[in-house]
Every structure is written in C-alpha cells, then in structure tokens.
Amino acid sequence: MTLRALLPLTFVLAIASPALAAPKVEAAWSRPAAQGATGGGFMILANPDKAADALVAAASPVAREVQIHQSSMKNGVASMQRLERVPVAAGGRVTFAPGGYHLMLMGLTQTLKAGDTVPVTLTFASGAKVKASFVVGMGPPVAAHPHH
C-alpha cells in the first residue's frame, strides 16, 4: 500500500479509538488541621474506563508535599506505609478512608478549618490529571451518604 492509501485508514483508526475516561473523585474530604501540620485526604476513586489505571501522585497548593499512604493493623499494631501507586481496576472503585488508603498533606501552608476546601490534583499512570476539592470536616460530605 502506498502512503496515500494508508492516510484515510489512519484517520479512521484515530476516530475509532475511544478516548480514555478519566478517573472520578467522589466524596473527597479532609479533617481540620493546623498550619505547618500534616492533614489527611480521603475519597472514593472511581475508574469508569475499560482499562485499569493507578493513582501515582498527588499535589496541592496548600501542602509542601502530598504522599499516598496505607494504614494497616497487624497483631494489634497499627502501621503506615508510603505507596508509589494505588491500582484502580477497570470499572472499579477504591476507597481512601481513615485506617486504610489516604493522602498525607504534609507541611500545610494554611490552617484547614471546617467548611474550607482543599484543592488537590491527582495524577494517574494513564497520564490523566484530575482536579478535586476536598471539603474540610469530620467526615465525608453529607451528600456522599444517601438516605434510605
């Protein structure tokens, strides 16, 4: 085939390739914390795409550094480990909550007061960057709990 014959085929393939569906952030929240201290970030990550993805980094203008961690309990001893990535299965969900996966907002540049919002940008292995607003409070935003 000549290059001229391949061009239309390339164009058709480019149109037929579905765009990646970026991961979604739901029920994002953070506890109140003092300036200079370390805050926590909690959320539900949903991956609507047909391919698995992974959270690989996070950043916030109100923290010197944001790390991904996982807390666990073994033989009555609590421990916390820094993670390089958190996999999110295709069509799957991962919950970040106290006692499990969470973000560590280290070196806060301002006090986080109830009702404030904390901007966080999440970076995924797919290259997707997702901006989220974490509501400061003592638990997930009320809208995250449907009433039965």
Protein backbone atom coordinates (compact mmCIF):
# COMPACT_ATOMS: atom_id res chain seq x y z
CA MET A 1 0.00 0.00 0.00
CA THR A 2 1.14 3.49 -0.67
CA LEU A 3 1.34 6.21 1.97
CA ARG A 4 -1.57 7.96 0.25
CA ALA A 5 -3.71 4.84 0.64
CA LEU A 6 -2.79 4.48 4.34
CA LEU A 7 -3.75 8.03 5.35
CA PRO A 8 -7.54 7.51 5.25
CA LEU A 9 -7.14 4.25 7.19
CA THR A 10 -5.05 6.01 9.86
CA PHE A 11 -7.71 8.70 10.15
CA VAL A 12 -10.46 6.09 10.62
CA LEU A 13 -8.44 4.31 13.33
CA ALA A 14 -7.83 7.60 15.16
CA ILE A 15 -11.57 8.33 15.21
CA ALA A 16 -12.44 4.77 16.23
CA SER A 17 -10.09 4.79 19.25
CA PRO A 18 -12.23 5.69 22.26
CA ALA A 19 -10.90 8.45 24.48
CA LEU A 20 -9.85 7.32 27.90
CA ALA A 21 -12.46 8.03 30.54
CA ALA A 22 -10.65 9.89 33.30
CA PRO A 23 -10.97 8.56 36.83
CA LYS A 24 -13.56 10.31 39.01
CA VAL A 25 -13.22 11.55 42.58
CA GLU A 26 -16.24 11.24 44.88
CA ALA A 27 -16.91 12.27 48.50
CA ALA A 28 -13.49 13.92 48.94
CA TRP A 29 -12.80 15.28 52.44
CA SER A 30 -10.05 16.24 54.84
CA ARG A 31 -10.02 16.70 58.61
CA PRO A 32 -9.29 20.11 60.17
CA ALA A 33 -5.53 20.65 60.73
CA ALA A 34 -3.20 23.43 61.84
CA GLN A 35 -0.85 25.31 59.54
CA GLY A 36 2.54 23.53 59.45
CA ALA A 37 0.94 20.23 60.50
CA THR A 38 0.01 17.22 58.37
CA GLY A 39 -3.53 16.76 57.09
CA GLY A 40 -5.26 13.73 55.60
CA GLY A 41 -7.15 13.32 52.35
CA PHE A 42 -9.94 10.80 51.95
CA MET A 43 -12.14 9.99 48.92
CA ILE A 44 -13.55 7.36 46.64
CA LEU A 45 -11.72 6.89 43.33
CA ALA A 46 -13.89 5.50 40.54
CA ASN A 47 -12.44 4.31 37.23
CA PRO A 48 -15.15 4.34 34.53
CA ASP A 49 -12.65 3.29 31.85
CA LYS A 50 -12.35 -0.18 30.32
CA ALA A 51 -8.64 -0.25 31.21
CA ALA A 52 -7.11 -0.43 34.67
CA ASP A 53 -5.32 2.66 35.95
CA ALA A 54 -3.42 3.63 39.08
CA LEU A 55 -3.04 6.73 41.22
CA VAL A 56 0.68 7.57 41.11
CA ALA A 57 0.97 11.11 42.52
CA ALA A 58 -0.92 13.95 44.16
CA ALA A 59 -0.19 17.63 44.74
CA SER A 60 -1.87 20.57 46.47
CA PRO A 61 -1.00 24.27 46.63
CA VAL A 62 -1.74 24.19 50.39
CA ALA A 63 0.79 21.44 51.21
CA ARG A 64 4.55 21.28 50.80
CA GLU A 65 4.18 17.66 49.71
CA VAL A 66 1.36 15.15 49.22
CA GLN A 67 2.12 11.46 49.71
CA ILE A 68 -0.01 8.36 49.15
CA HIS A 69 -0.15 6.08 52.22
CA GLN A 70 -1.90 2.98 53.52
CA SER A 71 -2.57 2.29 57.19
CA SER A 72 -2.99 -1.24 58.43
CA MET A 73 -3.36 -3.16 61.68
CA LYS A 74 -1.44 -6.39 62.29
CA ASN A 75 -1.36 -8.25 65.63
CA GLY A 76 -2.77 -5.17 67.36
CA VAL A 77 -0.05 -2.89 65.98
CA ALA A 78 -1.00 -0.04 63.66
CA SER A 79 1.42 0.84 60.88
CA MET A 80 1.51 3.15 57.90
CA GLN A 81 3.35 2.64 54.62
CA ARG A 82 4.07 5.11 51.81
CA LEU A 83 2.89 3.80 48.43
CA GLU A 84 4.15 4.57 44.94
CA ARG A 85 0.80 3.67 43.35
CA VAL A 86 -2.73 2.57 44.13
CA PRO A 87 -4.27 0.41 41.39
CA VAL A 88 -7.85 1.11 40.31
CA ALA A 89 -9.35 -1.74 38.29
CA ALA A 90 -11.26 -1.12 35.08
CA GLY A 91 -14.77 -0.14 36.16
CA GLY A 92 -13.59 -0.37 39.77
CA ARG A 93 -13.61 1.81 42.87
CA VAL A 94 -11.05 2.31 45.63
CA THR A 95 -11.97 3.91 48.96
CA PHE A 96 -9.50 6.19 50.74
CA ALA A 97 -10.63 6.33 54.39
CA PRO A 98 -9.16 6.57 57.90
CA GLY A 99 -7.41 3.27 58.69
CA GLY A 100 -6.78 2.44 55.02
CA TYR A 101 -5.58 4.25 51.92
CA HIS A 102 -5.23 8.02 52.40
CA LEU A 103 -3.32 11.07 51.22
CA MET A 104 -0.90 12.79 53.60
CA LEU A 105 -0.96 16.57 53.11
CA MET A 106 2.44 17.39 54.59
CA GLY A 107 3.67 20.82 55.61
CA LEU A 108 0.33 22.63 55.37
CA THR A 109 0.79 26.26 54.33
CA GLN A 110 -2.53 27.27 55.90
CA THR A 111 -4.89 26.08 58.63
CA LEU A 112 -7.65 23.77 57.38
CA LYS A 113 -10.91 24.81 59.05
CA ALA A 114 -14.28 23.05 58.84
CA GLY A 115 -16.06 24.21 55.70
CA ASP A 116 -12.84 25.05 53.80
CA THR A 117 -12.00 23.27 50.57
CA VAL A 118 -8.56 21.92 49.71
CA PRO A 119 -7.61 21.74 46.02
CA VAL A 120 -5.74 18.55 45.10
CA THR A 121 -4.54 17.39 41.68
CA LEU A 122 -4.31 13.61 41.28
CA THR A 123 -2.03 12.10 38.63
CA PHE A 124 -2.69 8.64 37.21
CA ALA A 125 -0.47 6.13 35.40
CA SER A 126 -2.57 6.71 32.25
CA GLY A 127 -1.43 10.35 32.26
CA ALA A 128 -4.83 11.62 33.38
CA LYS A 129 -4.73 14.55 35.83
CA VAL A 130 -7.87 15.00 37.90
CA LYS A 131 -8.55 18.11 39.98
CA ALA A 132 -10.60 17.60 43.13
CA SER A 133 -11.83 19.75 46.01
CA PHE A 134 -11.58 18.12 49.43
CA VAL A 135 -14.15 19.51 51.87
CA VAL A 136 -12.73 20.03 55.38
CA GLY A 137 -14.86 18.41 58.09
CA MET A 138 -15.05 15.48 60.47
CA GLY A 139 -16.27 13.04 57.81
CA PRO A 140 -17.33 12.70 54.19
CA PRO A 141 -19.60 15.42 52.79
CA VAL A 142 -23.24 14.75 53.73
CA ALA A 143 -24.21 14.34 50.06
CA ALA A 144 -21.97 11.26 49.98
CA HIS A 145 -24.40 9.40 52.27
CA PRO A 146 -27.72 8.77 50.51
CA HIS A 147 -30.57 8.44 52.99
CA HIS A 148 -32.71 5.30 52.83
